Amino acid sequence: MMMRTLVAVLLAAQSPTPATPADEVRLTQENRAAIRCSAAFAIIAHLQSTGDESARKWPDLGPRGREFFVVALAQVMDQTGLDRNGVAQLVGDEARRLRDEGAVDAVMPACLVMLEASGV
């Protein structure tokens, strides 16, 4: 639910751009990190909003996580030429991968550093 909300915010905030298929885009390490952390923040924020105990070990990611999500993914769109659907596809794929591999907790420390560095 939270991920859908965050994607909706991103979609509403961005003006239409020419579509570039997600599978044709070369992502930088920075782009990949932004996508990975946006997905991780969406997962943790959702778990926090539902009262999941496993997410309590992380700082509250509601407002800051949403802001990071919007800003970081808007930058990915600007840098890659991806449209909203392409970015949403990448974030959704990454969120599924993180959940399937049980990797959310493993990426969160680095993502929190990225969040702090972002100034959000």
PDB file of N, CA and C in Angstrom:
ATOM      1  N   MET A   1       0.826  -1.192   0.000  1.00  0.00           N
ATOM      2  CA  MET A   1       0.000   0.000   0.000  1.00  0.00           C
ATOM      3  C   MET A   1       0.870   1.256   0.000  1.00  0.00           C
ATOM      4  N   MET A   2       1.861   1.313   0.901  1.00  0.00           N
ATOM      5  CA  MET A   2       2.716   2.488   0.980  1.00  0.00           C
ATOM      6  C   MET A   2       3.489   2.668  -0.323  1.00  0.00           C
ATOM      7  N   MET A   3       3.950   1.563  -0.916  1.00  0.00           N
ATOM      8  CA  MET A   3       4.690   1.684  -2.163  1.00  0.00           C
ATOM      9  C   MET A   3       3.791   2.253  -3.245  1.00  0.00           C
ATOM     10  N   ARG A   4       2.535   1.826  -3.302  1.00  0.00           N
ATOM     11  CA  ARG A   4       1.605   2.374  -4.303  1.00  0.00           C
ATOM     12  C   ARG A   4       1.391   3.858  -4.065  1.00  0.00           C
ATOM     13  N   THR A   5       1.298   4.255  -2.795  1.00  0.00           N
ATOM     14  CA  THR A   5       1.132   5.661  -2.458  1.00  0.00           C
ATOM     15  C   THR A   5       2.344   6.455  -2.903  1.00  0.00           C
ATOM     16  N   LEU A   6       3.541   5.928  -2.639  1.00  0.00           N
ATOM     17  CA  LEU A   6       4.753   6.629  -3.025  1.00  0.00           C
ATOM     18  C   LEU A   6       4.870   6.732  -4.541  1.00  0.00           C
ATOM     19  N   VAL A   7       4.530   5.673  -5.241  1.00  0.00           N
ATOM     20  CA  VAL A   7       4.559   5.718  -6.705  1.00  0.00           C
ATOM     21  C   VAL A   7       3.545   6.736  -7.213  1.00  0.00           C
ATOM     22  N   ALA A   8       2.365   6.799  -6.590  1.00  0.00           N
ATOM     23  CA  ALA A   8       1.350   7.769  -6.996  1.00  0.00           C
ATOM     24  C   ALA A   8       1.848   9.196  -6.802  1.00  0.00           C
ATOM     25  N   VAL A   9       2.559   9.445  -5.704  1.00  0.00           N
ATOM     26  CA  VAL A   9       3.126  10.773  -5.457  1.00  0.00           C
ATOM     27  C   VAL A   9       4.132  11.105  -6.545  1.00  0.00           C
ATOM     28  N   LEU A  10       4.986  10.151  -6.865  1.00  0.00           N
ATOM     29  CA  LEU A  10       5.976  10.372  -7.907  1.00  0.00           C
ATOM     30  C   LEU A  10       5.307  10.663  -9.238  1.00  0.00           C
ATOM     31  N   LEU A  11       4.291   9.897  -9.560  1.00  0.00           N
ATOM     32  CA  LEU A  11       3.592  10.095 -10.819  1.00  0.00           C
ATOM     33  C   LEU A  11       2.933  11.454 -10.892  1.00  0.00           C
ATOM     34  N   ALA A  12       2.360  11.890  -9.798  1.00  0.00           N
ATOM     35  CA  ALA A  12       1.678  13.181  -9.789  1.00  0.00           C
ATOM     36  C   ALA A  12       2.658  14.342  -9.874  1.00  0.00           C
ATOM     37  N   ALA A  13       3.864  14.147  -9.380  1.00  0.00           N
ATOM     38  CA  ALA A  13       4.836  15.237  -9.305  1.00  0.00           C
ATOM     39  C   ALA A  13       5.599  15.454 -10.604  1.00  0.00           C
ATOM     40  N   GLN A  14       5.611  14.494 -11.491  1.00  0.00           N
ATOM     41  CA  GLN A  14       6.425  14.578 -12.690  1.00  0.00           C
ATOM     42  C   GLN A  14       5.573  14.900 -13.911  1.00  0.00           C
ATOM     43  N   SER A  15       6.064  15.795 -14.735  1.00  0.00           N
ATOM     44  CA  SER A  15       5.366  16.083 -15.979  1.00  0.00           C
ATOM     45  C   SER A  15       5.669  14.986 -16.992  1.00  0.00           C
ATOM     46  N   PRO A  16       4.817  14.822 -18.006  1.00  0.00           N
ATOM     47  CA  PRO A  16       5.041  13.770 -19.000  1.00  0.00           C
ATOM     48  C   PRO A  16       6.369  13.954 -19.731  1.00  0.00           C
ATOM     49  N   THR A  17       7.042  12.835 -19.970  1.00  0.00           N
ATOM     50  CA  THR A  17       8.300  12.841 -20.712  1.00  0.00           C
ATOM     51  C   THR A  17       8.239  11.727 -21.743  1.00  0.00           C
ATOM     52  N   PRO A  18       9.074  11.801 -22.771  1.00  0.00           N
ATOM     53  CA  PRO A  18       9.087  10.722 -23.743  1.00  0.00           C
ATOM     54  C   PRO A  18       9.477   9.405 -23.071  1.00  0.00           C
ATOM     55  N   ALA A  19       8.838   8.339 -23.484  1.00  0.00           N
ATOM     56  CA  ALA A  19       9.080   7.036 -22.877  1.00  0.00           C
ATOM     57  C   ALA A  19      10.370   6.420 -23.395  1.00  0.00           C
ATOM     58  N   THR A  20      11.127   5.853 -22.472  1.00  0.00           N
ATOM     59  CA  THR A  20      12.288   5.039 -22.789  1.00  0.00           C
ATOM     60  C   THR A  20      12.042   3.702 -22.116  1.00  0.00           C
ATOM     61  N   PRO A  21      12.065   2.607 -22.852  1.00  0.00           N
ATOM     62  CA  PRO A  21      11.836   1.316 -22.215  1.00  0.00           C
ATOM     63  C   PRO A  21      12.869   1.038 -21.127  1.00  0.00           C
ATOM     64  N   ALA A  22      12.405   0.566 -19.959  1.00  0.00           N
ATOM     65  CA  ALA A  22      13.277   0.336 -18.807  1.00  0.00           C
ATOM     66  C   ALA A  22      14.387  -0.653 -19.131  1.00  0.00           C
ATOM     67  N   ASP A  23      14.106  -1.632 -19.962  1.00  0.00           N
ATOM     68  CA  ASP A  23      15.121  -2.637 -20.269  1.00  0.00           C
ATOM     69  C   ASP A  23      16.183  -2.134 -21.249  1.00  0.00           C
ATOM     70  N   GLU A  24      16.022  -0.919 -21.767  1.00  0.00           N
ATOM     71  CA  GLU A  24      17.001  -0.346 -22.687  1.00  0.00           C
ATOM     72  C   GLU A  24      17.862   0.731 -22.039  1.00  0.00           C
ATOM     73  N   VAL A  25      17.672   0.968 -20.755  1.00  0.00           N
ATOM     74  CA  VAL A  25      18.374   2.050 -20.071  1.00  0.00           C
ATOM     75  C   VAL A  25      19.597   1.512 -19.342  1.00  0.00           C
ATOM     76  N   ARG A  26      20.695   2.223 -19.490  1.00  0.00           N
ATOM     77  CA  ARG A  26      21.908   1.899 -18.742  1.00  0.00           C
ATOM     78  C   ARG A  26      21.887   2.751 -17.482  1.00  0.00           C
ATOM     79  N   LEU A  27      21.788   2.089 -16.347  1.00  0.00           N
ATOM     80  CA  LEU A  27      21.740   2.787 -15.074  1.00  0.00           C
ATOM     81  C   LEU A  27      23.134   2.927 -14.484  1.00  0.00           C
ATOM     82  N   THR A  28      23.399   4.095 -13.897  1.00  0.00           N
ATOM     83  CA  THR A  28      24.650   4.284 -13.172  1.00  0.00           C
ATOM     84  C   THR A  28      24.524   3.616 -11.805  1.00  0.00           C
ATOM     85  N   GLN A  29      25.649   3.490 -11.122  1.00  0.00           N
ATOM     86  CA  GLN A  29      25.620   2.946  -9.757  1.00  0.00           C
ATOM     87  C   GLN A  29      24.747   3.833  -8.866  1.00  0.00           C
ATOM     88  N   GLU A  30      24.813   5.130  -9.075  1.00  0.00           N
ATOM     89  CA  GLU A  30      23.998   6.062  -8.294  1.00  0.00           C
ATOM     90  C   GLU A  30      22.513   5.833  -8.572  1.00  0.00           C
ATOM     91  N   ASN A  31      22.156   5.631  -9.842  1.00  0.00           N
ATOM     92  CA  ASN A  31      20.761   5.338 -10.188  1.00  0.00           C
ATOM     93  C   ASN A  31      20.291   4.059  -9.520  1.00  0.00           C
ATOM     94  N   ARG A  32      21.129   3.023  -9.584  1.00  0.00           N
ATOM     95  CA  ARG A  32      20.772   1.743  -8.974  1.00  0.00           C
ATOM     96  C   ARG A  32      20.581   1.883  -7.465  1.00  0.00           C
ATOM     97  N   ALA A  33      21.465   2.645  -6.831  1.00  0.00           N
ATOM     98  CA  ALA A  33      21.355   2.854  -5.384  1.00  0.00           C
ATOM     99  C   ALA A  33      20.080   3.620  -5.040  1.00  0.00           C
ATOM    100  N   ALA A  34      19.744   4.618  -5.835  1.00  0.00           N
ATOM    101  CA  ALA A  34      18.519   5.388  -5.597  1.00  0.00           C
ATOM    102  C   ALA A  34      17.291   4.498  -5.724  1.00  0.00           C
ATOM    103  N   ILE A  35      17.282   3.637  -6.715  1.00  0.00           N
ATOM    104  CA  ILE A  35      16.160   2.718  -6.914  1.00  0.00           C
ATOM    105  C   ILE A  35      16.091   1.712  -5.768  1.00  0.00           C
ATOM    106  N   ARG A  36      17.239   1.131  -5.409  1.00  0.00           N
ATOM    107  CA  ARG A  36      17.283   0.148  -4.326  1.00  0.00           C
ATOM    108  C   ARG A  36      16.812   0.769  -3.002  1.00  0.00           C
ATOM    109  N   CYS A  37      17.326   1.942  -2.683  1.00  0.00           N
ATOM    110  CA  CYS A  37      16.963   2.569  -1.411  1.00  0.00           C
ATOM    111  C   CYS A  37      15.519   3.063  -1.416  1.00  0.00           C
ATOM    112  N   SER A  38      15.052   3.547  -2.528  1.00  0.00           N
ATOM    113  CA  SER A  38      13.645   3.953  -2.616  1.00  0.00           C
ATOM    114  C   SER A  38      12.742   2.755  -2.356  1.00  0.00           C
ATOM    115  N   ALA A  39      13.082   1.617  -2.948  1.00  0.00           N
ATOM    116  CA  ALA A  39      12.294   0.397  -2.735  1.00  0.00           C
ATOM    117  C   ALA A  39      12.371  -0.043  -1.270  1.00  0.00           C
ATOM    118  N   ALA A  40      13.569  -0.024  -0.707  1.00  0.00           N
ATOM    119  CA  ALA A  40      13.732  -0.427   0.698  1.00  0.00           C
ATOM    120  C   ALA A  40      12.962   0.503   1.623  1.00  0.00           C
ATOM    121  N   PHE A  41      13.031   1.803   1.383  1.00  0.00           N
ATOM    122  CA  PHE A  41      12.300   2.758   2.223  1.00  0.00           C
ATOM    123  C   PHE A  41      10.798   2.549   2.110  1.00  0.00           C
ATOM    124  N   ALA A  42      10.320   2.269   0.911  1.00  0.00           N
ATOM    125  CA  ALA A  42       8.887   2.026   0.735  1.00  0.00           C
ATOM    126  C   ALA A  42       8.449   0.789   1.505  1.00  0.00           C
ATOM    127  N   ILE A  43       9.256  -0.259   1.458  1.00  0.00           N
ATOM    128  CA  ILE A  43       8.919  -1.491   2.184  1.00  0.00           C
ATOM    129  C   ILE A  43       8.893  -1.232   3.682  1.00  0.00           C
ATOM    130  N   ILE A  44       9.954  -0.608   4.203  1.00  0.00           N
ATOM    131  CA  ILE A  44      10.029  -0.362   5.646  1.00  0.00           C
ATOM    132  C   ILE A  44       8.936   0.608   6.084  1.00  0.00           C
ATOM    133  N   ALA A  45       8.698   1.666   5.326  1.00  0.00           N
ATOM    134  CA  ALA A  45       7.640   2.621   5.687  1.00  0.00           C
ATOM    135  C   ALA A  45       6.286   1.928   5.729  1.00  0.00           C
ATOM    136  N   HIS A  46       6.045   1.046   4.780  1.00  0.00           N
ATOM    137  CA  HIS A  46       4.782   0.297   4.784  1.00  0.00           C
ATOM    138  C   HIS A  46       4.687  -0.586   6.029  1.00  0.00           C
ATOM    139  N   LEU A  47       5.748  -1.310   6.320  1.00  0.00           N
ATOM    140  CA  LEU A  47       5.740  -2.168   7.508  1.00  0.00           C
ATOM    141  C   LEU A  47       5.551  -1.346   8.776  1.00  0.00           C
ATOM    142  N   GLN A  48       6.191  -0.199   8.847  1.00  0.00           N
ATOM    143  CA  GLN A  48       6.031   0.682  10.006  1.00  0.00           C
ATOM    144  C   GLN A  48       4.593   1.169  10.123  1.00  0.00           C
ATOM    145  N   SER A  49       3.976   1.481   9.005  1.00  0.00           N
ATOM    146  CA  SER A  49       2.601   1.997   9.042  1.00  0.00           C
ATOM    147  C   SER A  49       1.604   0.936   9.479  1.00  0.00           C
ATOM    148  N   THR A  50       1.971  -0.331   9.316  1.00  0.00           N
ATOM    149  CA  THR A  50       1.079  -1.411   9.741  1.00  0.00           C
ATOM    150  C   THR A  50       1.419  -1.929  11.126  1.00  0.00           C
ATOM    151  N   GLY A  51       2.426  -1.324  11.762  1.00  0.00           N
ATOM    152  CA  GLY A  51       2.796  -1.719  13.119  1.00  0.00           C
ATOM    153  C   GLY A  51       3.661  -2.961  13.188  1.00  0.00           C
ATOM    154  N   ASP A  52       4.260  -3.345  12.089  1.00  0.00           N
ATOM    155  CA  ASP A  52       5.112  -4.541  12.065  1.00  0.00           C
ATOM    156  C   ASP A  52       6.322  -4.327  12.980  1.00  0.00           C
ATOM    157  N   GLU A  53       6.505  -5.222  13.931  1.00  0.00           N
ATOM    158  CA  GLU A  53       7.595  -5.119  14.909  1.00  0.00           C
ATOM    159  C   GLU A  53       8.975  -5.142  14.252  1.00  0.00           C
ATOM    160  N   SER A  54       9.129  -5.888  13.179  1.00  0.00           N
ATOM    161  CA  SER A  54      10.441  -6.007  12.542  1.00  0.00           C
ATOM    162  C   SER A  54      10.935  -4.668  11.982  1.00  0.00           C
ATOM    163  N   ALA A  55      10.032  -3.750  11.702  1.00  0.00           N
ATOM    164  CA  ALA A  55      10.412  -2.454  11.122  1.00  0.00           C
ATOM    165  C   ALA A  55      10.697  -1.394  12.176  1.00  0.00           C
ATOM    166  N   ARG A  56      10.420  -1.704  13.422  1.00  0.00           N
ATOM    167  CA  ARG A  56      10.628  -0.718  14.493  1.00  0.00           C
ATOM    168  C   ARG A  56      12.096  -0.441  14.773  1.00  0.00           C
ATOM    169  N   LYS A  57      12.975  -1.336  14.333  1.00  0.00           N
ATOM    170  CA  LYS A  57      14.400  -1.127  14.583  1.00  0.00           C
ATOM    171  C   LYS A  57      14.985  -0.010  13.709  1.00  0.00           C
ATOM    172  N   TRP A  58      14.227   0.406  12.714  1.00  0.00           N
ATOM    173  CA  TRP A  58      14.690   1.460  11.804  1.00  0.00           C
ATOM    174  C   TRP A  58      14.020   2.779  12.155  1.00  0.00           C
ATOM    175  N   PRO A  59      14.673   3.914  11.850  1.00  0.00           N
ATOM    176  CA  PRO A  59      14.026   5.214  12.093  1.00  0.00           C
ATOM    177  C   PRO A  59      12.722   5.313  11.299  1.00  0.00           C
ATOM    178  N   ASP A  60      11.816   6.154  11.774  1.00  0.00           N
ATOM    179  CA  ASP A  60      10.550   6.382  11.073  1.00  0.00           C
ATOM    180  C   ASP A  60      10.852   6.900   9.668  1.00  0.00           C
ATOM    181  N   LEU A  61      10.343   6.210   8.676  1.00  0.00           N
ATOM    182  CA  LEU A  61      10.622   6.577   7.288  1.00  0.00           C
ATOM    183  C   LEU A  61       9.434   7.193   6.569  1.00  0.00           C
ATOM    184  N   GLY A  62       8.366   7.503   7.309  1.00  0.00           N
ATOM    185  CA  GLY A  62       7.189   8.081   6.674  1.00  0.00           C
ATOM    186  C   GLY A  62       7.509   9.286   5.809  1.00  0.00           C
ATOM    187  N   PRO A  63       7.605  10.468   6.383  1.00  0.00           N
ATOM    188  CA  PRO A  63       7.808  11.682   5.570  1.00  0.00           C
ATOM    189  C   PRO A  63       9.155  11.733   4.848  1.00  0.00           C
ATOM    190  N   ARG A  64      10.251  11.435   5.544  1.00  0.00           N
ATOM    191  CA  ARG A  64      11.574  11.517   4.910  1.00  0.00           C
ATOM    192  C   ARG A  64      11.729  10.464   3.816  1.00  0.00           C
ATOM    193  N   GLY A  65      11.237   9.277   4.064  1.00  0.00           N
ATOM    194  CA  GLY A  65      11.319   8.223   3.057  1.00  0.00           C
ATOM    195  C   GLY A  65      10.557   8.590   1.796  1.00  0.00           C
ATOM    196  N   ARG A  66       9.360   9.176   1.977  1.00  0.00           N
ATOM    197  CA  ARG A  66       8.564   9.612   0.818  1.00  0.00           C
ATOM    198  C   ARG A  66       9.285  10.707   0.043  1.00  0.00           C
ATOM    199  N   GLU A  67       9.853  11.663   0.767  1.00  0.00           N
ATOM    200  CA  GLU A  67      10.558  12.757   0.101  1.00  0.00           C
ATOM    201  C   GLU A  67      11.773  12.232  -0.671  1.00  0.00           C
ATOM    202  N   PHE A  68      12.538  11.360  -0.044  1.00  0.00           N
ATOM    203  CA  PHE A  68      13.679  10.756  -0.724  1.00  0.00           C
ATOM    204  C   PHE A  68      13.215  10.031  -1.984  1.00  0.00           C
ATOM    205  N   PHE A  69      12.164   9.243  -1.845  1.00  0.00           N
ATOM    206  CA  PHE A  69      11.597   8.476  -2.956  1.00  0.00           C
ATOM    207  C   PHE A  69      11.291   9.395  -4.132  1.00  0.00           C
ATOM    208  N   VAL A  70      10.578  10.461  -3.877  1.00  0.00           N
ATOM    209  CA  VAL A  70      10.159  11.379  -4.947  1.00  0.00           C
ATOM    210  C   VAL A  70      11.360  12.064  -5.586  1.00  0.00           C
ATOM    211  N   VAL A  71      12.238  12.623  -4.758  1.00  0.00           N
ATOM    212  CA  VAL A  71      13.381  13.370  -5.285  1.00  0.00           C
ATOM    213  C   VAL A  71      14.347  12.452  -6.028  1.00  0.00           C
ATOM    214  N   ALA A  72      14.691  11.334  -5.408  1.00  0.00           N
ATOM    215  CA  ALA A  72      15.669  10.428  -6.015  1.00  0.00           C
ATOM    216  C   ALA A  72      15.161   9.863  -7.333  1.00  0.00           C
ATOM    217  N   LEU A  73      13.897   9.463  -7.367  1.00  0.00           N
ATOM    218  CA  LEU A  73      13.390   8.857  -8.596  1.00  0.00           C
ATOM    219  C   LEU A  73      13.122   9.884  -9.683  1.00  0.00           C
ATOM    220  N   ALA A  74      12.816  11.113  -9.308  1.00  0.00           N
ATOM    221  CA  ALA A  74      12.720  12.181 -10.312  1.00  0.00           C
ATOM    222  C   ALA A  74      14.090  12.406 -10.951  1.00  0.00           C
ATOM    223  N   GLN A  75      15.146  12.333 -10.145  1.00  0.00           N
ATOM    224  CA  GLN A  75      16.500  12.469 -10.687  1.00  0.00           C
ATOM    225  C   GLN A  75      16.833  11.308 -11.623  1.00  0.00           C
ATOM    226  N   VAL A  76      16.428  10.097 -11.256  1.00  0.00           N
ATOM    227  CA  VAL A  76      16.659   8.939 -12.130  1.00  0.00           C
ATOM    228  C   VAL A  76      15.950   9.161 -13.464  1.00  0.00           C
ATOM    229  N   MET A  77      14.723   9.664 -13.422  1.00  0.00           N
ATOM    230  CA  MET A  77      13.994   9.920 -14.670  1.00  0.00           C
ATOM    231  C   MET A  77      14.722  10.967 -15.501  1.00  0.00           C
ATOM    232  N   ASP A  78      15.166  12.040 -14.858  1.00  0.00           N
ATOM    233  CA  ASP A  78      15.880  13.088 -15.585  1.00  0.00           C
ATOM    234  C   ASP A  78      17.173  12.571 -16.206  1.00  0.00           C
ATOM    235  N   GLN A  79      17.901  11.740 -15.469  1.00  0.00           N
ATOM    236  CA  GLN A  79      19.209  11.271 -15.928  1.00  0.00           C
ATOM    237  C   GLN A  79      19.132  10.159 -16.958  1.00  0.00           C
ATOM    238  N   THR A  80      18.042   9.405 -16.960  1.00  0.00           N
ATOM    239  CA  THR A  80      17.967   8.243 -17.841  1.00  0.00           C
ATOM    240  C   THR A  80      17.007   8.392 -19.010  1.00  0.00           C
ATOM    241  N   GLY A  81      16.079   9.330 -18.910  1.00  0.00           N
ATOM    242  CA  GLY A  81      15.057   9.449 -19.936  1.00  0.00           C
ATOM    243  C   GLY A  81      13.892   8.501 -19.731  1.00  0.00           C
ATOM    244  N   LEU A  82      13.912   7.754 -18.633  1.00  0.00           N
ATOM    245  CA  LEU A  82      12.786   6.872 -18.331  1.00  0.00           C
ATOM    246  C   LEU A  82      11.546   7.684 -18.021  1.00  0.00           C
ATOM    247  N   ASP A  83      10.397   7.150 -18.379  1.00  0.00           N
ATOM    248  CA  ASP A  83       9.152   7.791 -17.988  1.00  0.00           C
ATOM    249  C   ASP A  83       8.716   7.223 -16.632  1.00  0.00           C
ATOM    250  N   ARG A  84       7.590   7.705 -16.143  1.00  0.00           N
ATOM    251  CA  ARG A  84       7.094   7.283 -14.825  1.00  0.00           C
ATOM    252  C   ARG A  84       6.864   5.783 -14.761  1.00  0.00           C
ATOM    253  N   ASN A  85       6.307   5.221 -15.820  1.00  0.00           N
ATOM    254  CA  ASN A  85       6.054   3.780 -15.822  1.00  0.00           C
ATOM    255  C   ASN A  85       7.349   2.978 -15.784  1.00  0.00           C
ATOM    256  N   GLY A  86       8.347   3.442 -16.485  1.00  0.00           N
ATOM    257  CA  GLY A  86       9.637   2.752 -16.486  1.00  0.00           C
ATOM    258  C   GLY A  86      10.283   2.752 -15.115  1.00  0.00           C
ATOM    259  N   VAL A  87      10.256   3.905 -14.454  1.00  0.00           N
ATOM    260  CA  VAL A  87      10.827   3.990 -13.107  1.00  0.00           C
ATOM    261  C   VAL A  87      10.000   3.161 -12.134  1.00  0.00           C
ATOM    262  N   ALA A  88       8.680   3.226 -12.249  1.00  0.00           N
ATOM    263  CA  ALA A  88       7.821   2.430 -11.371  1.00  0.00           C
ATOM    264  C   ALA A  88       8.102   0.939 -11.551  1.00  0.00           C
ATOM    265  N   GLN A  89       8.338   0.524 -12.789  1.00  0.00           N
ATOM    266  CA  GLN A  89       8.668  -0.876 -13.056  1.00  0.00           C
ATOM    267  C   GLN A  89       9.966  -1.266 -12.364  1.00  0.00           C
ATOM    268  N   LEU A  90      10.991  -0.422 -12.488  1.00  0.00           N
ATOM    269  CA  LEU A  90      12.280  -0.724 -11.858  1.00  0.00           C
ATOM    270  C   LEU A  90      12.172  -0.792 -10.339  1.00  0.00           C
ATOM    271  N   VAL A  91      11.444   0.159  -9.749  1.00  0.00           N
ATOM    272  CA  VAL A  91      11.293   0.168  -8.292  1.00  0.00           C
ATOM    273  C   VAL A  91      10.481  -1.041  -7.833  1.00  0.00           C
ATOM    274  N   GLY A  92       9.435  -1.356  -8.539  1.00  0.00           N
ATOM    275  CA  GLY A  92       8.636  -2.529  -8.188  1.00  0.00           C
ATOM    276  C   GLY A  92       9.434  -3.815  -8.291  1.00  0.00           C
ATOM    277  N   ASP A  93      10.212  -3.934  -9.356  1.00  0.00           N
ATOM    278  CA  ASP A  93      11.064  -5.120  -9.522  1.00  0.00           C
ATOM    279  C   ASP A  93      12.078  -5.211  -8.379  1.00  0.00           C
ATOM    280  N   GLU A  94      12.662  -4.082  -8.029  1.00  0.00           N
ATOM    281  CA  GLU A  94      13.657  -4.076  -6.950  1.00  0.00           C
ATOM    282  C   GLU A  94      13.012  -4.398  -5.606  1.00  0.00           C
ATOM    283  N   ALA A  95      11.832  -3.875  -5.354  1.00  0.00           N
ATOM    284  CA  ALA A  95      11.137  -4.178  -4.100  1.00  0.00           C
ATOM    285  C   ALA A  95      10.842  -5.669  -4.000  1.00  0.00           C
ATOM    286  N   ARG A  96      10.388  -6.268  -5.086  1.00  0.00           N
ATOM    287  CA  ARG A  96      10.126  -7.713  -5.084  1.00  0.00           C
ATOM    288  C   ARG A  96      11.413  -8.497  -4.842  1.00  0.00           C
ATOM    289  N   ARG A  97      12.499  -8.072  -5.484  1.00  0.00           N
ATOM    290  CA  ARG A  97      13.780  -8.751  -5.299  1.00  0.00           C
ATOM    291  C   ARG A  97      14.236  -8.660  -3.847  1.00  0.00           C
ATOM    292  N   LEU A  98      14.155  -7.460  -3.265  1.00  0.00           N
ATOM    293  CA  LEU A  98      14.566  -7.285  -1.872  1.00  0.00           C
ATOM    294  C   LEU A  98      13.748  -8.170  -0.939  1.00  0.00           C
ATOM    295  N   ARG A  99      12.444  -8.227  -1.163  1.00  0.00           N
ATOM    296  CA  ARG A  99      11.583  -9.070  -0.326  1.00  0.00           C
ATOM    297  C   ARG A  99      11.868 -10.544  -0.544  1.00  0.00           C
ATOM    298  N   ASP A 100      11.951 -10.959  -1.800  1.00  0.00           N
ATOM    299  CA  ASP A 100      12.166 -12.373  -2.110  1.00  0.00           C
ATOM    300  C   ASP A 100      13.492 -12.885  -1.540  1.00  0.00           C
ATOM    301  N   GLU A 101      14.512 -12.039  -1.593  1.00  0.00           N
ATOM    302  CA  GLU A 101      15.834 -12.428  -1.098  1.00  0.00           C
ATOM    303  C   GLU A 101      16.013 -12.133   0.390  1.00  0.00           C
ATOM    304  N   GLY A 102      15.014 -11.504   1.004  1.00  0.00           N
ATOM    305  CA  GLY A 102      15.146 -11.139   2.415  1.00  0.00           C
ATOM    306  C   GLY A 102      16.286 -10.162   2.648  1.00  0.00           C
ATOM    307  N   ALA A 103      16.493  -9.263   1.708  1.00  0.00           N
ATOM    308  CA  ALA A 103      17.658  -8.378   1.724  1.00  0.00           C
ATOM    309  C   ALA A 103      17.376  -6.965   2.221  1.00  0.00           C
ATOM    310  N   VAL A 104      16.152  -6.675   2.628  1.00  0.00           N
ATOM    311  CA  VAL A 104      15.825  -5.301   3.039  1.00  0.00           C
ATOM    312  C   VAL A 104      16.704  -4.860   4.200  1.00  0.00           C
ATOM    313  N   ASP A 105      16.793  -5.681   5.241  1.00  0.00           N
ATOM    314  CA  ASP A 105      17.603  -5.303   6.402  1.00  0.00           C
ATOM    315  C   ASP A 105      19.079  -5.143   6.042  1.00  0.00           C
ATOM    316  N   ALA A 106      19.556  -5.911   5.085  1.00  0.00           N
ATOM    317  CA  ALA A 106      20.959  -5.827   4.694  1.00  0.00           C
ATOM    318  C   ALA A 106      21.291  -4.510   3.990  1.00  0.00           C
ATOM    319  N   VAL A 107      20.339  -3.951   3.231  1.00  0.00           N
ATOM    320  CA  VAL A 107      20.625  -2.714   2.495  1.00  0.00           C
ATOM    321  C   VAL A 107      20.292  -1.458   3.295  1.00  0.00           C
ATOM    322  N   MET A 108      19.513  -1.603   4.346  1.00  0.00           N
ATOM    323  CA  MET A 108      19.070  -0.415   5.087  1.00  0.00           C
ATOM    324  C   MET A 108      20.197   0.431   5.672  1.00  0.00           C
ATOM    325  N   PRO A 109      21.252  -0.129   6.260  1.00  0.00           N
ATOM    326  CA  PRO A 109      22.307   0.757   6.789  1.00  0.00           C
ATOM    327  C   PRO A 109      22.896   1.683   5.720  1.00  0.00           C
ATOM    328  N   ALA A 110      23.220   1.142   4.557  1.00  0.00           N
ATOM    329  CA  ALA A 110      23.765   1.983   3.483  1.00  0.00           C
ATOM    330  C   ALA A 110      22.718   2.976   2.989  1.00  0.00           C
ATOM    331  N   CYS A 111      21.460   2.551   2.943  1.00  0.00           N
ATOM    332  CA  CYS A 111      20.396   3.446   2.489  1.00  0.00           C
ATOM    333  C   CYS A 111      20.173   4.589   3.473  1.00  0.00           C
ATOM    334  N   LEU A 112      20.303   4.324   4.744  1.00  0.00           N
ATOM    335  CA  LEU A 112      20.165   5.393   5.738  1.00  0.00           C
ATOM    336  C   LEU A 112      21.290   6.410   5.599  1.00  0.00           C
ATOM    337  N   VAL A 113      22.495   5.946   5.276  1.00  0.00           N
ATOM    338  CA  VAL A 113      23.604   6.864   5.006  1.00  0.00           C
ATOM    339  C   VAL A 113      23.261   7.715   3.787  1.00  0.00           C
ATOM    340  N   MET A 114      22.716   7.074   2.745  1.00  0.00           N
ATOM    341  CA  MET A 114      22.318   7.808   1.539  1.00  0.00           C
ATOM    342  C   MET A 114      21.232   8.827   1.850  1.00  0.00           C
ATOM    343  N   LEU A 115      20.283   8.457   2.705  1.00  0.00           N
ATOM    344  CA  LEU A 115      19.229   9.374   3.114  1.00  0.00           C
ATOM    345  C   LEU A 115      19.809  10.593   3.823  1.00  0.00           C
ATOM    346  N   GLU A 116      20.727  10.365   4.746  1.00  0.00           N
ATOM    347  CA  GLU A 116      21.350  11.477   5.466  1.00  0.00           C
ATOM    348  C   GLU A 116      22.125  12.373   4.494  1.00  0.00           C
ATOM    349  N   ALA A 117      22.850  11.777   3.576  1.00  0.00           N
ATOM    350  CA  ALA A 117      23.643  12.544   2.610  1.00  0.00           C
ATOM    351  C   ALA A 117      22.782  13.348   1.651  1.00  0.00           C
ATOM    352  N   SER A 118      21.532  12.895   1.451  1.00  0.00           N
ATOM    353  CA  SER A 118      20.645  13.568   0.510  1.00  0.00           C
ATOM    354  C   SER A 118      20.146  14.913   1.038  1.00  0.00           C
ATOM    355  N   GLY A 119      20.201  15.084   2.341  1.00  0.00           N
ATOM    356  CA  GLY A 119      19.713  16.333   2.931  1.00  0.00           C
ATOM    357  C   GLY A 119      18.208  16.384   3.083  1.00  0.00           C
ATOM    358  N   VAL A 120      17.535  15.298   2.779  1.00  0.00           N
ATOM    359  CA  VAL A 120      16.076  15.244   2.924  1.00  0.00           C
ATOM    360  C   VAL A 120      15.718  15.125   4.379  1.00  0.00           C
TER     361      VAL A 120
END
